């Protein structure tokens, strides 16, 4: 089986879907965000170092020198937003919505744990305008089936644009399958946190505001 080569270039779209406490997708109204209002998304894998087993002989030479493999624990996300979709306060940060005239205009941030969970996807372009065998444009697609522990980081208001930064971390997503839209070629396994692959599936169109997620 041949492998493919590509160079990701520029973030295109992020999509966020609401999950319940068990990591299952919540369908219906106001359960999805599709946005191009981000500056950057950083993915930082976190590993636990493997146990070392070292025994030296009387001369100081290694008698036993072995090390277990490092283990992936989770992936940390840092999301920098340049455009504030107020639905983020609800789906990602767990704030109580502030509504005005039927529109969600903000959120109330209070004490306590943020227990919200969400699925997160990102599409990037591919350098060189790569196209697949059938002449379709190609994209890199990253899908994280279960993200939690989101935090609103420091925000500075000054003479210039203010950016909102959110950090969060992944959890294994055994029930994510091929995602709520069925576009992953291979479903998530029991211990999988992220899928990252080349695809001809174009990103969805960005739209301001919470959207419905079909069953």
C-alpha atoms as a PDB file:
ATOM      1  CA  UNK A   1       0.000   0.000   0.000  1.00  0.00           C
ATOM      2  CA  UNK A   2       1.482   3.344  -1.083  1.00  0.00           C
ATOM      3  CA  UNK A   3       1.664   6.367   1.194  1.00  0.00           C
ATOM      4  CA  UNK A   4       0.926   9.956   0.133  1.00  0.00           C
ATOM      5  CA  UNK A   5       2.883  13.130   0.790  1.00  0.00           C
ATOM      6  CA  UNK A   6       1.527  16.623   1.372  1.00  0.00           C
ATOM      7  CA  UNK A   7       2.386  19.934   3.040  1.00  0.00           C
ATOM      8  CA  UNK A   8      -0.375  21.557   5.123  1.00  0.00           C
ATOM      9  CA  UNK A   9      -0.783  25.277   4.460  1.00  0.00           C
ATOM     10  CA  UNK A  10      -3.068  27.799   6.188  1.00  0.00           C
ATOM     11  CA  UNK A  11      -5.976  27.031   8.465  1.00  0.00           C
ATOM     12  CA  UNK A  12      -9.343  27.187   6.721  1.00  0.00           C
ATOM     13  CA  UNK A  13     -12.260  26.300   8.992  1.00  0.00           C
ATOM     14  CA  UNK A  14     -12.949  24.957  12.462  1.00  0.00           C
ATOM     15  CA  UNK A  15     -16.108  23.095  13.410  1.00  0.00           C
ATOM     16  CA  UNK A  16     -17.250  22.448  16.975  1.00  0.00           C
ATOM     17  CA  UNK A  17     -20.093  20.134  18.011  1.00  0.00           C
ATOM     18  CA  UNK A  18     -21.627  19.725  21.454  1.00  0.00           C
ATOM     19  CA  UNK A  19     -21.125  16.414  23.289  1.00  0.00           C
ATOM     20  CA  UNK A  20     -22.971  15.052  26.294  1.00  0.00           C
ATOM     21  CA  UNK A  21     -21.338  13.868  29.512  1.00  0.00           C
ATOM     22  CA  UNK A  22     -20.546  10.492  27.924  1.00  0.00           C
ATOM     23  CA  UNK A  23     -18.917  11.991  24.831  1.00  0.00           C
ATOM     24  CA  UNK A  24     -21.870  11.345  22.508  1.00  0.00           C
ATOM     25  CA  UNK A  25     -22.853  13.965  19.920  1.00  0.00           C
ATOM     26  CA  UNK A  26     -25.865  16.094  20.880  1.00  0.00           C
ATOM     27  CA  UNK A  27     -28.134  16.726  17.896  1.00  0.00           C
ATOM     28  CA  UNK A  28     -30.758  19.416  17.412  1.00  0.00           C
ATOM     29  CA  UNK A  29     -30.768  23.206  17.498  1.00  0.00           C
ATOM     30  CA  UNK A  30     -27.832  25.272  18.773  1.00  0.00           C
ATOM     31  CA  UNK A  31     -25.324  22.421  18.965  1.00  0.00           C
ATOM     32  CA  UNK A  32     -22.731  23.321  16.308  1.00  0.00           C
ATOM     33  CA  UNK A  33     -20.360  26.163  15.382  1.00  0.00           C
ATOM     34  CA  UNK A  34     -18.567  26.556  12.029  1.00  0.00           C
ATOM     35  CA  UNK A  35     -16.079  29.433  11.971  1.00  0.00           C
ATOM     36  CA  UNK A  36     -13.129  30.922  10.115  1.00  0.00           C
ATOM     37  CA  UNK A  37     -12.571  33.491  12.884  1.00  0.00           C
ATOM     38  CA  UNK A  38      -9.409  31.962  14.313  1.00  0.00           C
ATOM     39  CA  UNK A  39      -5.803  33.092  14.157  1.00  0.00           C
ATOM     40  CA  UNK A  40      -4.182  29.818  15.139  1.00  0.00           C
ATOM     41  CA  UNK A  41      -4.800  26.428  16.718  1.00  0.00           C
ATOM     42  CA  UNK A  42      -1.890  24.674  18.415  1.00  0.00           C
ATOM     43  CA  UNK A  43      -1.916  20.934  19.041  1.00  0.00           C
ATOM     44  CA  UNK A  44       0.557  19.877  21.745  1.00  0.00           C
ATOM     45  CA  UNK A  45       0.752  16.119  22.472  1.00  0.00           C
ATOM     46  CA  UNK A  46       1.458  15.293  26.120  1.00  0.00           C
ATOM     47  CA  UNK A  47       3.455  12.165  26.946  1.00  0.00           C
ATOM     48  CA  UNK A  48       4.275  10.263  30.101  1.00  0.00           C
ATOM     49  CA  UNK A  49       7.916   9.228  30.096  1.00  0.00           C
ATOM     50  CA  UNK A  50       8.487   5.505  30.124  1.00  0.00           C
ATOM     51  CA  UNK A  51       9.906   3.932  33.262  1.00  0.00           C
ATOM     52  CA  UNK A  52      13.672   3.459  33.212  1.00  0.00           C
ATOM     53  CA  UNK A  53      15.341   0.364  34.659  1.00  0.00           C
ATOM     54  CA  UNK A  54      19.008   1.004  35.431  1.00  0.00           C
ATOM     55  CA  UNK A  55      21.314  -1.272  37.411  1.00  0.00           C
ATOM     56  CA  UNK A  56      25.074  -0.766  37.557  1.00  0.00           C
ATOM     57  CA  UNK A  57      27.655  -3.347  38.428  1.00  0.00           C
ATOM     58  CA  UNK A  58      30.430  -2.829  40.915  1.00  0.00           C
ATOM     59  CA  UNK A  59      32.565  -1.170  38.223  1.00  0.00           C
ATOM     60  CA  UNK A  60      29.893   1.433  37.434  1.00  0.00           C
ATOM     61  CA  UNK A  61      28.991  -0.110  34.070  1.00  0.00           C
ATOM     62  CA  UNK A  62      25.399  -0.774  33.099  1.00  0.00           C
ATOM     63  CA  UNK A  63      24.250  -4.232  34.037  1.00  0.00           C
ATOM     64  CA  UNK A  64      20.623  -3.376  33.145  1.00  0.00           C
ATOM     65  CA  UNK A  65      19.758  -0.459  30.860  1.00  0.00           C
ATOM     66  CA  UNK A  66      16.183  -0.545  29.598  1.00  0.00           C
ATOM     67  CA  UNK A  67      13.389   1.989  29.156  1.00  0.00           C
ATOM     68  CA  UNK A  68       9.688   1.494  28.527  1.00  0.00           C
ATOM     69  CA  UNK A  69       8.098   3.351  25.628  1.00  0.00           C
ATOM     70  CA  UNK A  70       6.713   6.832  26.294  1.00  0.00           C
ATOM     71  CA  UNK A  71       2.906   6.908  26.355  1.00  0.00           C
ATOM     72  CA  UNK A  72       0.577   9.504  24.870  1.00  0.00           C
ATOM     73  CA  UNK A  73      -1.759  10.818  27.565  1.00  0.00           C
ATOM     74  CA  UNK A  74      -3.699  13.546  25.781  1.00  0.00           C
ATOM     75  CA  UNK A  75      -3.349  16.401  23.306  1.00  0.00           C
ATOM     76  CA  UNK A  76      -3.527  19.977  24.556  1.00  0.00           C
ATOM     77  CA  UNK A  77      -5.164  22.614  22.356  1.00  0.00           C
ATOM     78  CA  UNK A  78      -4.573  26.355  22.313  1.00  0.00           C
ATOM     79  CA  UNK A  79      -7.170  28.160  20.201  1.00  0.00           C
ATOM     80  CA  UNK A  80      -6.668  31.849  19.374  1.00  0.00           C
ATOM     81  CA  UNK A  81      -9.826  33.570  18.136  1.00  0.00           C
ATOM     82  CA  UNK A  82      -9.966  36.878  16.300  1.00  0.00           C
ATOM     83  CA  UNK A  83     -13.749  36.825  15.849  1.00  0.00           C
ATOM     84  CA  UNK A  84     -15.988  36.020  18.788  1.00  0.00           C
ATOM     85  CA  UNK A  85     -18.901  33.726  18.054  1.00  0.00           C
ATOM     86  CA  UNK A  86     -20.816  33.963  21.326  1.00  0.00           C
ATOM     87  CA  UNK A  87     -21.829  30.316  20.941  1.00  0.00           C
ATOM     88  CA  UNK A  88     -18.233  29.484  21.943  1.00  0.00           C
ATOM     89  CA  UNK A  89     -18.983  30.750  25.446  1.00  0.00           C
ATOM     90  CA  UNK A  90     -21.709  28.102  25.726  1.00  0.00           C
ATOM     91  CA  UNK A  91     -20.471  25.007  23.826  1.00  0.00           C
ATOM     92  CA  UNK A  92     -16.776  25.254  24.715  1.00  0.00           C
ATOM     93  CA  UNK A  93     -16.531  27.297  27.912  1.00  0.00           C
ATOM     94  CA  UNK A  94     -19.761  26.273  29.644  1.00  0.00           C
ATOM     95  CA  UNK A  95     -20.931  29.822  30.335  1.00  0.00           C
ATOM     96  CA  UNK A  96     -24.634  30.493  30.839  1.00  0.00           C
ATOM     97  CA  UNK A  97     -25.922  32.290  27.730  1.00  0.00           C
ATOM     98  CA  UNK A  98     -26.897  35.947  27.876  1.00  0.00           C
ATOM     99  CA  UNK A  99     -29.766  36.501  25.461  1.00  0.00           C
ATOM    100  CA  UNK A 100     -31.320  39.638  24.039  1.00  0.00           C
ATOM    101  CA  UNK A 101     -34.256  39.570  21.676  1.00  0.00           C
ATOM    102  CA  UNK A 102     -33.818  35.858  21.041  1.00  0.00           C
ATOM    103  CA  UNK A 103     -30.106  36.164  20.200  1.00  0.00           C
ATOM    104  CA  UNK A 104     -27.234  34.887  22.339  1.00  0.00           C
ATOM    105  CA  UNK A 105     -25.104  38.003  22.849  1.00  0.00           C
ATOM    106  CA  UNK A 106     -22.669  36.760  25.480  1.00  0.00           C
ATOM    107  CA  UNK A 107     -22.154  34.524  28.485  1.00  0.00           C
ATOM    108  CA  UNK A 108     -22.070  34.552  32.267  1.00  0.00           C
ATOM    109  CA  UNK A 109     -18.867  33.081  33.684  1.00  0.00           C
ATOM    110  CA  UNK A 110     -19.193  31.844  37.248  1.00  0.00           C
ATOM    111  CA  UNK A 111     -17.360  29.790  39.831  1.00  0.00           C
ATOM    112  CA  UNK A 112     -17.042  26.033  39.511  1.00  0.00           C
ATOM    113  CA  UNK A 113     -15.833  23.380  37.102  1.00  0.00           C
ATOM    114  CA  UNK A 114     -16.416  23.594  33.365  1.00  0.00           C
ATOM    115  CA  UNK A 115     -17.782  20.140  32.532  1.00  0.00           C
ATOM    116  CA  UNK A 116     -18.616  20.806  28.871  1.00  0.00           C
ATOM    117  CA  UNK A 117     -17.327  18.425  26.224  1.00  0.00           C
ATOM    118  CA  UNK A 118     -17.114  19.009  22.492  1.00  0.00           C
ATOM    119  CA  UNK A 119     -15.868  17.535  19.249  1.00  0.00           C
ATOM    120  CA  UNK A 120     -13.402  19.667  17.301  1.00  0.00           C
ATOM    121  CA  UNK A 121     -12.402  19.639  13.633  1.00  0.00           C
ATOM    122  CA  UNK A 122      -9.989  21.738  11.599  1.00  0.00           C
ATOM    123  CA  UNK A 123      -9.404  21.924   7.855  1.00  0.00           C
ATOM    124  CA  UNK A 124      -6.202  23.270   6.344  1.00  0.00           C
ATOM    125  CA  UNK A 125      -5.176  23.802   2.762  1.00  0.00           C
ATOM    126  CA  UNK A 126      -2.393  21.897   1.011  1.00  0.00           C
ATOM    127  CA  UNK A 127       0.626  23.592  -0.563  1.00  0.00           C
ATOM    128  CA  UNK A 128       0.799  23.464  -4.346  1.00  0.00           C
ATOM    129  CA  UNK A 129      -2.955  23.172  -4.796  1.00  0.00           C
ATOM    130  CA  UNK A 130      -2.720  19.376  -4.679  1.00  0.00           C
ATOM    131  CA  UNK A 131      -5.607  17.489  -6.239  1.00  0.00           C
ATOM    132  CA  UNK A 132      -6.614  13.869  -5.897  1.00  0.00           C
ATOM    133  CA  UNK A 133      -6.879  11.197  -8.563  1.00  0.00           C
ATOM    134  CA  UNK A 134     -10.309  12.462  -9.587  1.00  0.00           C
ATOM    135  CA  UNK A 135      -9.182  16.086  -9.874  1.00  0.00           C
ATOM    136  CA  UNK A 136     -10.731  17.207  -6.583  1.00  0.00           C
ATOM    137  CA  UNK A 137      -8.982  19.704  -4.299  1.00  0.00           C
ATOM    138  CA  UNK A 138      -7.326  18.137  -1.263  1.00  0.00           C
ATOM    139  CA  UNK A 139      -7.320  19.299   2.351  1.00  0.00           C
ATOM    140  CA  UNK A 140      -5.815  18.181   5.613  1.00  0.00           C
ATOM    141  CA  UNK A 141      -8.545  17.320   8.104  1.00  0.00           C
ATOM    142  CA  UNK A 142      -7.955  17.016  11.847  1.00  0.00           C
ATOM    143  CA  UNK A 143     -10.715  15.531  13.974  1.00  0.00           C
ATOM    144  CA  UNK A 144     -10.615  15.355  17.777  1.00  0.00           C
ATOM    145  CA  UNK A 145     -13.510  13.266  18.987  1.00  0.00           C
ATOM    146  CA  UNK A 146     -13.676  14.404  22.616  1.00  0.00           C
ATOM    147  CA  UNK A 147     -12.251  17.671  23.980  1.00  0.00           C
ATOM    148  CA  UNK A 148     -12.762  18.870  27.555  1.00  0.00           C
ATOM    149  CA  UNK A 149     -11.332  21.008  30.383  1.00  0.00           C
ATOM    150  CA  UNK A 150     -11.590  24.201  28.324  1.00  0.00           C
ATOM    151  CA  UNK A 151     -10.301  27.381  29.949  1.00  0.00           C
ATOM    152  CA  UNK A 152     -10.647  31.025  28.988  1.00  0.00           C
ATOM    153  CA  UNK A 153      -7.145  32.506  29.171  1.00  0.00           C
ATOM    154  CA  UNK A 154      -6.074  36.080  29.831  1.00  0.00           C
ATOM    155  CA  UNK A 155      -7.463  38.705  27.454  1.00  0.00           C
ATOM    156  CA  UNK A 156      -5.854  42.125  27.013  1.00  0.00           C
ATOM    157  CA  UNK A 157      -7.850  45.133  25.831  1.00  0.00           C
ATOM    158  CA  UNK A 158      -5.657  47.897  24.478  1.00  0.00           C
ATOM    159  CA  UNK A 159      -5.113  50.161  21.467  1.00  0.00           C
ATOM    160  CA  UNK A 160      -5.544  47.348  18.989  1.00  0.00           C
ATOM    161  CA  UNK A 161      -7.542  44.170  18.375  1.00  0.00           C
ATOM    162  CA  UNK A 162      -8.300  41.923  21.330  1.00  0.00           C
ATOM    163  CA  UNK A 163      -7.872  38.185  20.866  1.00  0.00           C
ATOM    164  CA  UNK A 164      -9.529  35.482  22.924  1.00  0.00           C
ATOM    165  CA  UNK A 165      -7.412  32.445  23.755  1.00  0.00           C
ATOM    166  CA  UNK A 166      -8.871  29.135  24.911  1.00  0.00           C
ATOM    167  CA  UNK A 167      -6.973  26.092  26.106  1.00  0.00           C
ATOM    168  CA  UNK A 168      -8.396  22.571  26.366  1.00  0.00           C
ATOM    169  CA  UNK A 169      -7.322  18.933  26.258  1.00  0.00           C
ATOM    170  CA  UNK A 170      -8.454  15.748  24.566  1.00  0.00           C
ATOM    171  CA  UNK A 171      -9.914  12.544  25.972  1.00  0.00           C
ATOM    172  CA  UNK A 172     -10.065   9.180  24.254  1.00  0.00           C
ATOM    173  CA  UNK A 173     -13.212   9.008  22.103  1.00  0.00           C
ATOM    174  CA  UNK A 174     -14.232   5.354  21.695  1.00  0.00           C
ATOM    175  CA  UNK A 175     -17.746   6.192  20.458  1.00  0.00           C
ATOM    176  CA  UNK A 176     -16.801   8.856  17.885  1.00  0.00           C
ATOM    177  CA  UNK A 177     -16.702   6.365  15.018  1.00  0.00           C
ATOM    178  CA  UNK A 178     -16.381   8.185  11.699  1.00  0.00           C
ATOM    179  CA  UNK A 179     -17.638  11.422  13.244  1.00  0.00           C
ATOM    180  CA  UNK A 180     -21.087  13.035  13.300  1.00  0.00           C
ATOM    181  CA  UNK A 181     -20.901  13.579   9.535  1.00  0.00           C
ATOM    182  CA  UNK A 182     -19.435  10.193   8.655  1.00  0.00           C
ATOM    183  CA  UNK A 183     -16.477  11.583   6.711  1.00  0.00           C
ATOM    184  CA  UNK A 184     -13.543   9.807   8.411  1.00  0.00           C
ATOM    185  CA  UNK A 185     -12.331   6.932   6.219  1.00  0.00           C
ATOM    186  CA  UNK A 186     -11.367   4.896   9.310  1.00  0.00           C
ATOM    187  CA  UNK A 187     -13.363   5.073  12.568  1.00  0.00           C
ATOM    188  CA  UNK A 188     -11.866   5.993  15.911  1.00  0.00           C
ATOM    189  CA  UNK A 189     -10.649   3.084  18.007  1.00  0.00           C
ATOM    190  CA  UNK A 190     -11.108   2.635  21.744  1.00  0.00           C
ATOM    191  CA  UNK A 191      -8.036   4.699  22.672  1.00  0.00           C
ATOM    192  CA  UNK A 192      -7.901   7.222  19.822  1.00  0.00           C
ATOM    193  CA  UNK A 193      -7.744  10.973  20.501  1.00  0.00           C
ATOM    194  CA  UNK A 194      -7.182  12.512  17.059  1.00  0.00           C
ATOM    195  CA  UNK A 195      -7.409  11.694  13.358  1.00  0.00           C
ATOM    196  CA  UNK A 196      -5.190  13.591  10.929  1.00  0.00           C
ATOM    197  CA  UNK A 197      -5.320  12.818   7.226  1.00  0.00           C
ATOM    198  CA  UNK A 198      -5.569  14.039   3.626  1.00  0.00           C
ATOM    199  CA  UNK A 199      -9.088  14.257   2.240  1.00  0.00           C
ATOM    200  CA  UNK A 200     -11.069  15.567  -0.743  1.00  0.00           C
ATOM    201  CA  UNK A 201     -13.929  16.510   1.602  1.00  0.00           C
ATOM    202  CA  UNK A 202     -14.156  20.298   1.486  1.00  0.00           C
ATOM    203  CA  UNK A 203     -14.635  22.271   4.688  1.00  0.00           C
ATOM    204  CA  UNK A 204     -18.127  23.522   5.502  1.00  0.00           C
ATOM    205  CA  UNK A 205     -19.028  27.173   5.002  1.00  0.00           C
ATOM    206  CA  UNK A 206     -18.398  29.469   7.958  1.00  0.00           C
ATOM    207  CA  UNK A 207     -21.474  31.054   9.497  1.00  0.00           C
ATOM    208  CA  UNK A 208     -21.907  33.283  12.529  1.00  0.00           C
ATOM    209  CA  UNK A 209     -23.980  31.850  15.341  1.00  0.00           C
ATOM    210  CA  UNK A 210     -25.012  28.518  16.763  1.00  0.00           C
ATOM    211  CA  UNK A 211     -26.314  26.078  14.168  1.00  0.00           C
ATOM    212  CA  UNK A 212     -28.478  22.983  14.280  1.00  0.00           C
ATOM    213  CA  UNK A 213     -26.812  19.575  14.132  1.00  0.00           C
ATOM    214  CA  UNK A 214     -28.939  17.064  12.259  1.00  0.00           C
ATOM    215  CA  UNK A 215     -29.536  13.618  13.766  1.00  0.00           C
END
